[in-house]
């Protein structure tokens, strides 16, 4: 039984900003350290977790649900930290369920060997693999049973190119003359029970002859150019017969079984390649979602289904029983608690914690969970406090990430969402990381506002979130820059793109904030007349030149969304 602890994924929101990514990395590190300090044997990783990147055997692992923005990329590079791996859907996949590990076999083994293997490990389906571990075919207990029940002609050994080694195994035999690596290439299987005169009429070139200890019969079979003699009941073979057989290219196998038993067992030596299924195999990939393959599994009703990796290598077998009590992916959400902002498939996952600084949203759970929601300017501030509360040392790179997150979310304390707790946390973290907050802010904002080479889509989704007010859904994107000229250029590109974004998301309206960090102001763009009317009513300002100019507005969370929500809910 696999006792490896299930992973718990720490996710920020879609289209993640710097706080979302840095908080996910930092909280995963913190949770692993807490588990290790508490002596949680399931974690089994405390000595191996580095501040740069949690190993794959860590229990808590940061993941991301969207692409990184240039500001976030700068922060990660500055503090020598790898970006979380991208996962766009957290529904249960084949890799998440119990895949039975089975060693595959080559297609030259005998039916007897296949049967023995299947009985020893209690399986009904045996995978047949190529040398590169890709799947070549399948042999089942049913295939083997049919091979015994069906009536095959006496040339089956030749048709299947049965190796002598397989015959030796099936008959518990000894190679007296010849090479065990050779195969039956022609002729039929016959029993030499008559006198030599009759035998000569029935033995042809290449035949496999089952016989006893009679010298005359053995000599006759060799002279008739039989390819293989199977001498039964442990009968000795004379030196003369051995020599004549050798000179005539005739192999000899000795076995302790009698003639009847040999005739019954010899078909067990046929290679499984002759009976295995190799066409139209129903296979699944480790990355397939269970919801997508369940119908196929129920319709086909095979005992077992092969699972392949991304590069088509065989990974194991699953059955319909594997679908019973499927484990959901376990998630911790940071910097969001809105269903619209969560990674796809979140409803099919188990959310066990939420760490956030936004209003409570629409994520629902089946049972009580840990929720920490504080009115501060950044999730990174909350996570810093949790490091302190748990007396966990903060590594310099984690301190740098959290400091950058706070600077980003509070615009270096300019945002109205910023609190004394944010400022104190950022300055304390800067001391641990050995940096100056003013210097880091200047560098990261410059990196984030370098948007000339970005496409409209990349700019629009660099920091985009969806919201719901009653029956109305809307999206809000935001770009921050230190120069008005850059914002003016982006404006001309965003106005036509917003219509496309509205259609792609299926929302009622879309807004886009062009925020000037230096002037602490925002140009609010809107997708259509309905959005314009909502914005004008929210701020009691008349739009001009396809925008509303909002002096002093820099925070989407605290200054824009509450006003839009209030207007929409009236």
Protein backbone atom coordinates (compact mmCIF):
# COMPACT_ATOMS: atom_id res chain seq x y z
CA UNK A 1 0.00 0.00 0.00
CA UNK A 2 1.31 3.44 -0.94
CA UNK A 3 1.90 5.44 2.26
CA UNK A 4 3.26 8.54 0.52
CA UNK A 5 1.41 11.58 1.94
CA UNK A 6 -0.90 13.32 -0.51
CA UNK A 7 0.35 16.61 -1.82
CA UNK A 8 -1.40 19.82 -0.87
CA UNK A 9 -1.20 22.50 -3.54
CA UNK A 10 -0.98 26.18 -2.61
CA UNK A 11 -2.61 28.28 -5.31
CA UNK A 12 -2.97 31.98 -5.96
CA UNK A 13 -5.64 33.27 -8.30
CA UNK A 14 -5.83 33.14 -12.08
CA UNK A 15 -3.78 35.78 -13.90
CA UNK A 16 -1.61 35.95 -10.79
CA UNK A 17 0.06 39.13 -9.59
CA UNK A 18 3.23 39.33 -7.54
CA UNK A 19 1.45 38.89 -4.21
CA UNK A 20 -0.38 35.80 -5.47
CA UNK A 21 2.79 34.04 -6.61
CA UNK A 22 5.11 35.11 -3.79
CA UNK A 23 2.54 34.30 -1.12
CA UNK A 24 1.93 30.83 -2.57
CA UNK A 25 5.67 30.04 -2.56
CA UNK A 26 6.19 31.46 0.92
CA UNK A 27 3.16 29.79 2.48
CA UNK A 28 4.08 26.39 1.05
CA UNK A 29 7.54 26.79 2.60
CA UNK A 30 6.04 27.86 5.92
CA UNK A 31 3.60 24.93 6.04
CA UNK A 32 6.36 22.42 5.33
CA UNK A 33 8.49 23.92 8.08
CA UNK A 34 5.61 23.88 10.58
CA UNK A 35 4.95 20.21 9.77
CA UNK A 36 8.63 19.39 10.22
CA UNK A 37 8.92 21.30 13.50
CA UNK A 38 5.84 19.50 14.85
CA UNK A 39 7.42 16.14 14.05
CA UNK A 40 4.77 15.28 11.49
CA UNK A 41 6.12 12.05 10.03
CA UNK A 42 3.89 12.43 7.00
CA UNK A 43 5.90 15.44 5.89
CA UNK A 44 9.15 13.46 5.83
CA UNK A 45 11.00 16.32 4.26
CA UNK A 46 12.13 18.91 6.80
CA UNK A 47 15.83 18.41 6.22
CA UNK A 48 15.38 18.55 2.47
CA UNK A 49 13.22 21.64 2.00
CA UNK A 50 15.30 24.51 0.68
CA UNK A 51 14.22 28.10 0.67
CA UNK A 52 14.74 28.26 -3.09
CA UNK A 53 12.47 25.42 -4.17
CA UNK A 54 10.53 22.74 -2.32
CA UNK A 55 11.43 19.27 -3.61
CA UNK A 56 8.84 17.18 -5.37
CA UNK A 57 8.50 14.98 -2.28
CA UNK A 58 7.32 17.97 -0.23
CA UNK A 59 3.77 17.78 1.06
CA UNK A 60 2.92 21.46 0.50
CA UNK A 61 3.79 22.63 -3.01
CA UNK A 62 3.16 26.00 -4.64
CA UNK A 63 1.44 26.01 -8.01
CA UNK A 64 0.13 28.76 -10.30
CA UNK A 65 -3.04 29.02 -12.35
CA UNK A 66 -1.85 31.60 -14.87
CA UNK A 67 1.12 33.19 -16.59
CA UNK A 68 3.63 35.37 -14.78
CA UNK A 69 3.84 39.11 -15.29
CA UNK A 70 7.19 40.84 -15.86
CA UNK A 71 7.20 42.32 -12.35
CA UNK A 72 6.77 38.88 -10.80
CA UNK A 73 9.41 37.39 -13.07
CA UNK A 74 11.81 40.10 -11.92
CA UNK A 75 11.12 39.40 -8.23
CA UNK A 76 11.64 35.65 -8.63
CA UNK A 77 14.88 36.16 -10.54
CA UNK A 78 16.10 38.79 -8.08
CA UNK A 79 15.68 36.37 -5.18
CA UNK A 80 16.83 33.25 -7.02
CA UNK A 81 13.55 31.38 -6.70
CA UNK A 82 11.93 29.10 -9.26
CA UNK A 83 8.43 29.89 -10.47
CA UNK A 84 5.71 27.47 -9.33
CA UNK A 85 4.67 24.92 -11.94
CA UNK A 86 1.61 25.78 -13.98
CA UNK A 87 -1.62 23.83 -13.49
CA UNK A 88 -4.76 25.07 -15.21
CA UNK A 89 -7.22 22.45 -13.91
CA UNK A 90 -7.33 20.63 -10.57
CA UNK A 91 -9.93 18.02 -11.36
CA UNK A 92 -8.88 14.46 -10.54
CA UNK A 93 -6.55 13.00 -13.14
CA UNK A 94 -5.48 9.44 -13.82
CA UNK A 95 -2.17 10.19 -12.08
CA UNK A 96 -4.10 11.01 -8.89
CA UNK A 97 -5.75 7.61 -8.51
CA UNK A 98 -4.36 4.18 -7.71
CA UNK A 99 -2.35 3.09 -10.74
CA UNK A 100 -1.29 -0.51 -10.31
CA UNK A 101 2.39 -0.82 -11.12
CA UNK A 102 3.02 -3.89 -13.25
CA UNK A 103 6.24 -4.99 -14.87
CA UNK A 104 5.66 -5.49 -18.55
CA UNK A 105 6.93 -8.50 -20.53
CA UNK A 106 8.35 -9.00 -24.00
CA UNK A 107 6.17 -10.63 -26.63
CA UNK A 108 8.37 -13.70 -27.01
CA UNK A 109 7.56 -15.26 -23.63
CA UNK A 110 5.34 -18.33 -23.64
CA UNK A 111 1.71 -18.62 -22.65
CA UNK A 112 2.87 -20.69 -19.68
CA UNK A 113 5.24 -17.96 -18.51
CA UNK A 114 2.52 -15.34 -18.91
CA UNK A 115 0.08 -17.47 -16.92
CA UNK A 116 2.63 -18.04 -14.17
CA UNK A 117 3.36 -14.30 -13.90
CA UNK A 118 -0.32 -13.38 -13.80
CA UNK A 119 -1.06 -15.91 -11.06
CA UNK A 120 1.93 -14.87 -8.97
CA UNK A 121 0.87 -11.20 -8.81
CA UNK A 122 -2.88 -11.82 -9.05
CA UNK A 123 -3.61 -9.86 -12.22
CA UNK A 124 -5.91 -10.53 -15.15
CA UNK A 125 -4.11 -8.44 -17.79
CA UNK A 126 -0.41 -8.44 -18.62
CA UNK A 127 1.15 -5.57 -20.58
CA UNK A 128 3.50 -6.48 -23.42
CA UNK A 129 6.17 -3.83 -23.92
CA UNK A 130 8.67 -2.81 -26.54
CA UNK A 131 12.33 -2.41 -25.49
CA UNK A 132 11.75 1.34 -24.99
CA UNK A 133 8.89 0.60 -22.52
CA UNK A 134 6.16 1.70 -24.90
CA UNK A 135 3.08 -0.50 -25.04
CA UNK A 136 3.05 -3.19 -27.73
CA UNK A 137 -0.01 -5.18 -26.71
CA UNK A 138 -2.00 -6.88 -23.96
CA UNK A 139 -2.50 -10.53 -23.04
CA UNK A 140 -5.37 -11.44 -20.70
CA UNK A 141 -6.42 -14.52 -18.80
CA UNK A 142 -9.29 -14.74 -21.26
CA UNK A 143 -6.86 -14.81 -24.18
CA UNK A 144 -4.95 -17.68 -22.57
CA UNK A 145 -8.15 -19.58 -21.82
CA UNK A 146 -9.28 -19.20 -25.42
CA UNK A 147 -5.91 -20.48 -26.63
CA UNK A 148 -6.58 -23.78 -24.82
CA UNK A 149 -10.23 -24.11 -25.75
CA UNK A 150 -9.89 -23.28 -29.44
CA UNK A 151 -8.78 -25.97 -31.89
CA UNK A 152 -5.59 -24.96 -33.69
CA UNK A 153 -3.95 -26.84 -36.52
CA UNK A 154 -0.71 -28.73 -35.94
CA UNK A 155 1.43 -26.01 -37.55
CA UNK A 156 0.82 -23.48 -34.77
CA UNK A 157 4.44 -23.67 -33.48
CA UNK A 158 5.74 -22.76 -36.93
CA UNK A 159 3.14 -20.03 -37.51
CA UNK A 160 4.04 -18.42 -34.19
CA UNK A 161 7.83 -18.94 -34.60
CA UNK A 162 7.95 -20.57 -31.18
CA UNK A 163 11.48 -20.43 -29.67
CA UNK A 164 13.01 -23.66 -28.43
CA UNK A 165 13.53 -21.88 -25.10
CA UNK A 166 9.74 -21.65 -24.71
CA UNK A 167 9.34 -25.36 -25.44
CA UNK A 168 12.01 -26.17 -22.86
CA UNK A 169 10.14 -24.10 -20.30
CA UNK A 170 6.73 -25.55 -21.08
CA UNK A 171 8.00 -29.16 -20.95
CA UNK A 172 10.53 -28.69 -18.17
CA UNK A 173 13.00 -30.06 -20.72
CA UNK A 174 16.72 -30.21 -21.44
CA UNK A 175 18.44 -29.20 -24.66
CA UNK A 176 20.30 -32.34 -25.74
CA UNK A 177 21.25 -31.23 -29.25
CA UNK A 178 20.89 -27.80 -30.79
CA UNK A 179 20.61 -24.15 -29.76
CA UNK A 180 17.88 -23.05 -27.31
CA UNK A 181 17.81 -19.66 -29.04
CA UNK A 182 16.51 -21.19 -32.28
CA UNK A 183 12.82 -21.20 -33.21
CA UNK A 184 10.42 -23.49 -34.99
CA UNK A 185 10.22 -22.07 -38.51
CA UNK A 186 8.23 -24.68 -40.44
CA UNK A 187 6.50 -28.02 -40.42
CA UNK A 188 3.87 -29.49 -38.15
CA UNK A 189 3.78 -31.16 -34.75
CA UNK A 190 3.36 -34.96 -34.93
CA UNK A 191 3.54 -37.95 -32.59
CA UNK A 192 5.65 -40.85 -33.86
CA UNK A 193 3.70 -43.79 -32.47
CA UNK A 194 3.70 -46.06 -35.55
CA UNK A 195 6.40 -48.27 -37.08
CA UNK A 196 9.17 -46.61 -39.12
CA UNK A 197 7.56 -47.50 -42.46
CA UNK A 198 4.39 -45.58 -41.63
CA UNK A 199 6.32 -42.77 -40.01
CA UNK A 200 8.22 -42.11 -43.25
CA UNK A 201 4.92 -41.48 -45.01
CA UNK A 202 3.85 -38.79 -42.53
CA UNK A 203 7.02 -36.89 -41.52
CA UNK A 204 7.99 -33.94 -43.68
CA UNK A 205 10.84 -31.44 -43.69
CA UNK A 206 10.91 -29.23 -40.61
CA UNK A 207 8.40 -31.22 -38.54
CA UNK A 208 8.49 -31.33 -34.73
CA UNK A 209 8.23 -34.97 -33.68
CA UNK A 210 7.13 -36.21 -30.26
CA UNK A 211 8.45 -39.72 -29.64
CA UNK A 212 9.84 -42.19 -27.17
CA UNK A 213 13.06 -44.16 -26.66
CA UNK A 214 13.03 -46.33 -29.79
CA UNK A 215 16.28 -45.95 -31.72
CA UNK A 216 14.68 -46.81 -35.08
CA UNK A 217 11.94 -44.22 -34.72
CA UNK A 218 14.42 -41.50 -33.70
CA UNK A 219 16.69 -42.34 -36.64
CA UNK A 220 13.77 -42.39 -39.09
CA UNK A 221 12.58 -38.95 -37.96
CA UNK A 222 16.07 -37.49 -38.40
CA UNK A 223 16.43 -39.03 -41.86
CA UNK A 224 13.07 -37.52 -42.86
CA UNK A 225 14.57 -34.10 -42.00
CA UNK A 226 12.56 -33.34 -38.88
CA UNK A 227 13.73 -30.09 -37.31
CA UNK A 228 13.16 -31.07 -33.67
CA UNK A 229 12.73 -34.32 -31.74
CA UNK A 230 11.06 -34.27 -28.33
CA UNK A 231 12.08 -37.45 -26.49
CA UNK A 232 9.62 -38.27 -23.70
CA UNK A 233 9.70 -39.97 -20.26
CA UNK A 234 13.34 -39.10 -19.60
CA UNK A 235 14.51 -41.65 -22.14
CA UNK A 236 18.25 -41.59 -22.84
CA UNK A 237 19.45 -40.58 -26.29
CA UNK A 238 22.38 -42.55 -27.68
CA UNK A 239 25.61 -40.89 -28.75
CA UNK A 240 24.99 -42.17 -32.28
CA UNK A 241 21.58 -40.47 -32.50
CA UNK A 242 23.05 -37.27 -31.08
CA UNK A 243 25.81 -37.30 -33.68
CA UNK A 244 23.47 -38.04 -36.59
CA UNK A 245 21.05 -35.33 -35.41
CA UNK A 246 23.86 -32.83 -35.14
CA UNK A 247 25.08 -33.64 -38.66
CA UNK A 248 21.55 -33.28 -40.05
CA UNK A 249 20.70 -30.02 -38.25
CA UNK A 250 18.06 -31.67 -36.11
CA UNK A 251 17.61 -30.45 -32.53
CA UNK A 252 16.70 -32.78 -29.65
CA UNK A 253 14.88 -31.89 -26.42
CA UNK A 254 14.48 -34.38 -23.60
CA UNK A 255 11.60 -34.23 -21.09
CA UNK A 256 10.39 -36.38 -18.20
CA UNK A 257 6.74 -36.02 -19.29
CA UNK A 258 4.99 -38.82 -21.19
CA UNK A 259 3.79 -38.45 -24.77
CA UNK A 260 0.22 -37.50 -23.84
CA UNK A 261 1.33 -34.80 -21.43
CA UNK A 262 3.81 -33.37 -23.92
CA UNK A 263 1.11 -33.19 -26.59
CA UNK A 264 -1.13 -31.38 -24.12
CA UNK A 265 1.48 -28.96 -22.83
CA UNK A 266 3.35 -28.06 -25.98
CA UNK A 267 0.85 -25.36 -27.03
CA UNK A 268 1.76 -23.55 -23.81
CA UNK A 269 5.10 -22.79 -25.42
CA UNK A 270 3.54 -20.56 -28.11
CA UNK A 271 4.72 -16.93 -27.74
CA UNK A 272 2.11 -14.54 -26.42
CA UNK A 273 2.65 -12.39 -29.52
CA UNK A 274 0.47 -14.91 -31.37
CA UNK A 275 -2.53 -14.35 -29.09
CA UNK A 276 -2.07 -10.88 -27.61
CA UNK A 277 -4.28 -7.95 -28.61
CA UNK A 278 -2.25 -5.23 -30.29
CA UNK A 279 -4.73 -3.24 -32.36
CA UNK A 280 -7.31 -0.68 -31.18
CA UNK A 281 -6.07 -0.78 -27.59
CA UNK A 282 -7.99 1.46 -25.19
CA UNK A 283 -5.33 3.39 -23.28
CA UNK A 284 -5.36 6.46 -21.05
CA UNK A 285 -2.69 9.04 -20.23
CA UNK A 286 -1.64 9.99 -16.72
CA UNK A 287 -2.79 13.54 -17.54
CA UNK A 288 -6.32 12.52 -18.58
CA UNK A 289 -9.13 13.79 -16.36
CA UNK A 290 -11.26 11.07 -14.79
CA UNK A 291 -14.43 12.92 -15.74
CA UNK A 292 -13.39 12.68 -19.40
CA UNK A 293 -12.56 8.95 -19.43
CA UNK A 294 -15.18 7.54 -17.07
CA UNK A 295 -17.68 7.03 -19.86
CA UNK A 296 -15.19 5.06 -21.94
CA UNK A 297 -14.31 2.84 -18.99
CA UNK A 298 -17.95 2.04 -18.32
CA UNK A 299 -18.74 1.45 -21.98
CA UNK A 300 -15.77 -0.80 -22.79
CA UNK A 301 -16.02 -2.77 -19.54
CA UNK A 302 -12.53 -4.24 -19.77
CA UNK A 303 -11.02 -5.63 -16.58
CA UNK A 304 -8.01 -3.32 -16.83
CA UNK A 305 -6.90 -0.33 -18.87
CA UNK A 306 -3.24 0.57 -19.60
CA UNK A 307 -1.97 4.00 -18.52
CA UNK A 308 0.72 5.79 -20.48
CA UNK A 309 2.93 8.74 -19.60
CA UNK A 310 3.22 11.91 -21.69
CA UNK A 311 6.01 10.32 -23.73
CA UNK A 312 3.91 7.18 -24.31
CA UNK A 313 5.81 5.01 -21.82
CA UNK A 314 3.78 2.39 -19.93
CA UNK A 315 2.97 3.55 -16.38
CA UNK A 316 0.65 0.84 -15.04
CA UNK A 317 -2.97 -0.32 -15.10
CA UNK A 318 -6.24 1.04 -13.77
CA UNK A 319 -9.67 -0.56 -13.50
CA UNK A 320 -13.19 0.65 -12.83
CA UNK A 321 -12.60 -0.18 -9.17
CA UNK A 322 -9.94 2.55 -9.19
CA UNK A 323 -12.75 5.10 -9.50
CA UNK A 324 -14.18 4.17 -6.09
CA UNK A 325 -13.34 6.75 -3.42
CA UNK A 326 -11.17 8.80 -5.75
CA UNK A 327 -9.01 11.26 -3.79
CA UNK A 328 -9.71 14.90 -4.58
CA UNK A 329 -6.79 17.26 -5.00
CA UNK A 330 -6.29 19.22 -1.77
CA UNK A 331 -5.84 22.97 -2.11
CA UNK A 332 -4.92 26.00 -0.08
CA UNK A 333 -6.06 29.27 -1.65
CA UNK A 334 -4.01 32.39 -1.05
CA UNK A 335 -4.80 35.98 -2.09
CA UNK A 336 -8.34 35.11 -3.27
CA UNK A 337 -11.55 33.42 -2.24
CA UNK A 338 -13.74 34.12 -5.26
CA UNK A 339 -14.84 31.12 -7.32
CA UNK A 340 -14.39 33.10 -10.53
CA UNK A 341 -10.75 33.77 -9.67
CA UNK A 342 -9.85 30.25 -8.58
CA UNK A 343 -8.10 27.64 -10.69
CA UNK A 344 -10.38 25.66 -13.00
CA UNK A 345 -11.86 22.55 -11.42
CA UNK A 346 -11.80 23.96 -7.89
CA UNK A 347 -15.35 22.66 -7.29
CA UNK A 348 -14.02 19.13 -7.77
CA UNK A 349 -11.15 19.70 -5.32
CA UNK A 350 -11.00 19.90 -1.53
CA UNK A 351 -10.16 23.38 -0.28
CA UNK A 352 -8.65 23.03 3.19
CA UNK A 353 -7.44 26.59 3.89
CA UNK A 354 -7.89 30.15 2.67
CA UNK A 355 -5.41 32.94 3.44
CA UNK A 356 -6.59 36.26 2.01
CA UNK A 357 -6.99 40.00 2.45
CA UNK A 358 -10.01 40.55 0.17
CA UNK A 359 -13.72 40.55 0.95
CA UNK A 360 -15.25 37.13 1.49
CA UNK A 361 -16.41 35.70 -1.80
CA UNK A 362 -18.11 32.68 -3.32
CA UNK A 363 -15.86 29.70 -2.56
CA UNK A 364 -17.90 27.12 -0.65
CA UNK A 365 -16.62 24.06 1.23
CA UNK A 366 -18.21 20.81 2.37
CA UNK A 367 -16.85 21.10 5.90
CA UNK A 368 -15.28 23.72 8.18
CA UNK A 369 -11.79 24.84 7.13
CA UNK A 370 -9.10 27.21 8.32
CA UNK A 371 -9.76 30.72 7.02
CA UNK A 372 -7.53 33.67 7.81
CA UNK A 373 -8.85 36.90 6.35
CA UNK A 374 -7.43 40.22 7.52
CA UNK A 375 -8.00 43.83 6.41
CA UNK A 376 -4.43 44.48 5.34
CA UNK A 377 -2.95 45.59 2.04
CA UNK A 378 -1.29 42.32 1.08
CA UNK A 379 -1.54 38.59 1.70
CA UNK A 380 2.24 38.60 2.13
CA UNK A 381 1.75 40.62 5.33
CA UNK A 382 -0.47 37.90 6.80
CA UNK A 383 2.04 35.20 5.93
CA UNK A 384 4.86 37.22 7.51
CA UNK A 385 2.78 37.39 10.71
CA UNK A 386 2.29 33.60 10.59
CA UNK A 387 6.06 33.07 10.34
CA UNK A 388 6.46 35.19 13.46
CA UNK A 389 3.60 33.50 15.32
CA UNK A 390 5.06 30.05 14.65
CA UNK A 391 8.64 31.13 15.45
CA UNK A 392 9.86 29.95 12.02
CA UNK A 393 12.97 31.65 10.69
CA UNK A 394 12.42 33.42 7.37
CA UNK A 395 15.16 32.69 4.79
CA UNK A 396 16.48 35.76 2.94
CA UNK A 397 14.93 34.80 -0.39
CA UNK A 398 11.49 34.19 1.16
CA UNK A 399 11.81 37.54 2.95
CA UNK A 400 12.61 39.20 -0.37
CA UNK A 401 9.57 37.62 -2.04
CA UNK A 402 7.19 38.69 0.73
CA UNK A 403 8.68 42.18 0.81
CA UNK A 404 8.23 42.50 -2.95
CA UNK A 405 4.63 41.30 -2.66
CA UNK A 406 3.82 43.99 -0.08
CA UNK A 407 5.53 46.70 -2.12
CA UNK A 408 3.60 45.61 -5.21
CA UNK A 409 0.16 45.44 -3.57
CA UNK A 410 0.56 48.69 -1.62
CA UNK A 411 2.46 50.61 -4.33
CA UNK A 412 5.20 51.16 -1.76
CA UNK A 413 2.69 52.25 0.89
CA UNK A 414 0.85 54.67 -1.47
CA UNK A 415 -2.30 52.57 -1.79
CA UNK A 416 -5.23 53.33 0.51
CA UNK A 417 -5.29 49.61 1.31
CA UNK A 418 -1.90 49.91 3.02
CA UNK A 419 -1.89 49.60 6.81
CA UNK A 420 0.75 50.06 9.47
CA UNK A 421 1.01 46.26 9.61
CA UNK A 422 1.98 46.21 5.92
CA UNK A 423 4.63 48.87 6.34
CA UNK A 424 6.11 47.22 9.44
CA UNK A 425 6.16 43.80 7.78
CA UNK A 426 7.81 45.10 4.60
CA UNK A 427 10.56 46.93 6.47
CA UNK A 428 11.25 43.93 8.72
CA UNK A 429 11.42 41.64 5.69
CA UNK A 430 13.71 44.06 3.88
CA UNK A 431 16.12 43.84 6.79
CA UNK A 432 16.15 40.02 6.62
CA UNK A 433 16.63 40.09 2.85
CA UNK A 434 19.35 42.76 3.03
CA UNK A 435 17.59 45.18 0.67
CA UNK A 436 16.20 48.74 0.62
CA UNK A 437 12.46 48.98 -0.03
CA UNK A 438 12.78 52.16 -2.13
CA UNK A 439 15.41 50.58 -4.35
CA UNK A 440 13.44 47.33 -4.78
CA UNK A 441 10.24 49.26 -5.56
CA UNK A 442 11.95 51.32 -8.26
CA UNK A 443 13.44 48.24 -9.92
CA UNK A 444 10.36 46.03 -9.79
CA UNK A 445 7.97 48.75 -10.95
CA UNK A 446 10.29 49.53 -13.84
CA UNK A 447 10.38 45.84 -14.77
CA UNK A 448 6.60 45.60 -14.52
CA UNK A 449 5.94 48.67 -16.66
CA UNK A 450 8.18 47.59 -19.53
CA UNK A 451 5.25 46.65 -21.74
CA UNK A 452 6.35 47.73 -25.21
CA UNK A 453 7.15 44.19 -26.34
CA UNK A 454 3.95 42.68 -24.89
CA UNK A 455 0.90 41.80 -26.95
CA UNK A 456 -2.53 43.22 -26.14
CA UNK A 457 -3.55 39.87 -24.69
CA UNK A 458 -0.45 39.65 -22.47
CA UNK A 459 -1.00 43.18 -21.18
CA UNK A 460 -4.72 42.71 -20.58
CA UNK A 461 -4.34 39.47 -18.63
CA UNK A 462 -1.26 40.46 -16.68
CA UNK A 463 -3.53 41.26 -13.73
CA UNK A 464 -7.16 40.45 -14.52
CA UNK A 465 -9.94 39.34 -12.18
CA UNK A 466 -13.60 38.43 -12.55
CA UNK A 467 -16.33 39.53 -10.15
CA UNK A 468 -20.03 38.88 -9.62
CA UNK A 469 -22.62 41.32 -8.31
CA UNK A 470 -26.04 39.71 -8.14
CA UNK A 471 -26.71 38.42 -11.63
CA UNK A 472 -24.06 40.62 -13.25
CA UNK A 473 -20.55 39.40 -14.00
CA UNK A 474 -17.73 41.73 -14.91
CA UNK A 475 -13.96 41.68 -15.29
CA UNK A 476 -11.38 44.22 -14.24
CA UNK A 477 -7.80 44.33 -15.46
CA UNK A 478 -5.09 46.64 -14.20
CA UNK A 479 -1.72 47.83 -15.43
CA UNK A 480 0.59 50.07 -13.43
CA UNK A 481 3.32 52.21 -14.92
CA UNK A 482 5.71 54.91 -13.81
CA UNK A 483 5.31 56.92 -17.04
CA UNK A 484 2.18 58.49 -18.52
CA UNK A 485 3.49 58.13 -22.05
CA UNK A 486 3.52 54.35 -21.69
CA UNK A 487 -0.03 54.36 -20.31
CA UNK A 488 -1.23 56.50 -23.20
CA UNK A 489 0.26 54.03 -25.68
CA UNK A 490 -1.37 51.10 -23.89
CA UNK A 491 -4.73 52.89 -23.85
CA UNK A 492 -4.85 53.06 -27.65
CA UNK A 493 -4.22 49.31 -27.80
CA UNK A 494 -6.59 48.29 -25.00
CA UNK A 495 -9.76 50.10 -26.09
CA UNK A 496 -10.38 47.87 -29.15
CA UNK A 497 -9.11 44.74 -27.37
CA UNK A 498 -11.64 45.06 -24.53
CA UNK A 499 -14.52 44.13 -26.84
CA UNK A 500 -12.75 40.86 -27.67
CA UNK A 501 -12.01 40.18 -24.00
CA UNK A 502 -15.66 40.71 -23.06
CA UNK A 503 -16.78 38.20 -25.67
CA UNK A 504 -14.11 35.64 -24.73
CA UNK A 505 -15.07 35.68 -21.05
CA UNK A 506 -18.83 35.80 -21.55
CA UNK A 507 -19.15 38.61 -18.99
CA UNK A 508 -21.59 41.51 -19.02
CA UNK A 509 -18.91 44.19 -19.02
CA UNK A 510 -15.16 44.73 -18.77
CA UNK A 511 -13.11 47.53 -17.22
CA UNK A 512 -9.39 48.24 -17.43
CA UNK A 513 -7.36 50.40 -15.02
CA UNK A 514 -4.33 52.30 -16.31
CA UNK A 515 -2.70 53.31 -13.02
CA UNK A 516 0.04 55.92 -12.82
CA UNK A 517 2.19 55.02 -9.82
CA UNK A 518 3.87 58.43 -9.60
CA UNK A 519 0.71 60.56 -9.98
CA UNK A 520 -1.37 58.09 -7.95
CA UNK A 521 -4.20 58.22 -10.47
CA UNK A 522 -6.10 55.86 -12.77
CA UNK A 523 -7.58 56.12 -16.23
CA UNK A 524 -10.54 53.74 -16.20
CA UNK A 525 -11.41 52.26 -19.59
CA UNK A 526 -14.76 50.53 -20.24
CA UNK A 527 -15.97 47.99 -22.80
CA UNK A 528 -19.37 49.43 -23.80
CA UNK A 529 -22.08 51.94 -22.98
CA UNK A 530 -23.46 49.84 -20.14
CA UNK A 531 -20.05 49.72 -18.48
CA UNK A 532 -19.58 53.46 -19.05
CA UNK A 533 -22.91 54.21 -17.37
CA UNK A 534 -22.06 52.04 -14.35
CA UNK A 535 -18.65 53.70 -14.00
CA UNK A 536 -20.08 57.22 -14.30
CA UNK A 537 -22.75 56.49 -11.67
CA UNK A 538 -20.18 54.89 -9.38
CA UNK A 539 -17.87 57.91 -9.33
CA UNK A 540 -20.28 60.68 -10.34
CA UNK A 541 -17.88 61.63 -13.14
CA UNK A 542 -18.64 62.04 -16.83
CA UNK A 543 -16.54 59.95 -19.17
CA UNK A 544 -14.45 61.65 -21.83
CA UNK A 545 -12.19 60.30 -24.54
CA UNK A 546 -13.28 56.66 -23.81
CA UNK A 547 -12.21 56.87 -20.16
CA UNK A 548 -12.89 58.16 -16.67
CA UNK A 549 -9.98 59.98 -15.07
CA UNK A 550 -9.88 59.02 -11.38
CA UNK A 551 -7.36 61.05 -9.35
CA UNK A 552 -6.21 59.37 -6.15
CA UNK A 553 -7.57 55.96 -7.26
CA UNK A 554 -4.90 53.24 -7.40
CA UNK A 555 -6.49 50.26 -5.64
CA UNK A 556 -8.84 47.96 -7.52
CA UNK A 557 -9.80 46.14 -4.34
CA UNK A 558 -10.55 49.08 -2.08
CA UNK A 559 -11.33 52.02 -4.34
CA UNK A 560 -12.88 50.58 -7.52
CA UNK A 561 -14.63 47.26 -6.86
CA UNK A 562 -16.71 48.41 -3.84
CA UNK A 563 -18.12 51.35 -5.83
CA UNK A 564 -18.94 49.23 -8.87
CA UNK A 565 -20.54 46.60 -6.66
CA UNK A 566 -22.67 49.18 -4.84
CA UNK A 567 -23.93 50.63 -8.13
CA UNK A 568 -24.70 47.23 -9.64
CA UNK A 569 -26.59 46.07 -6.55
CA UNK A 570 -28.84 49.12 -6.39
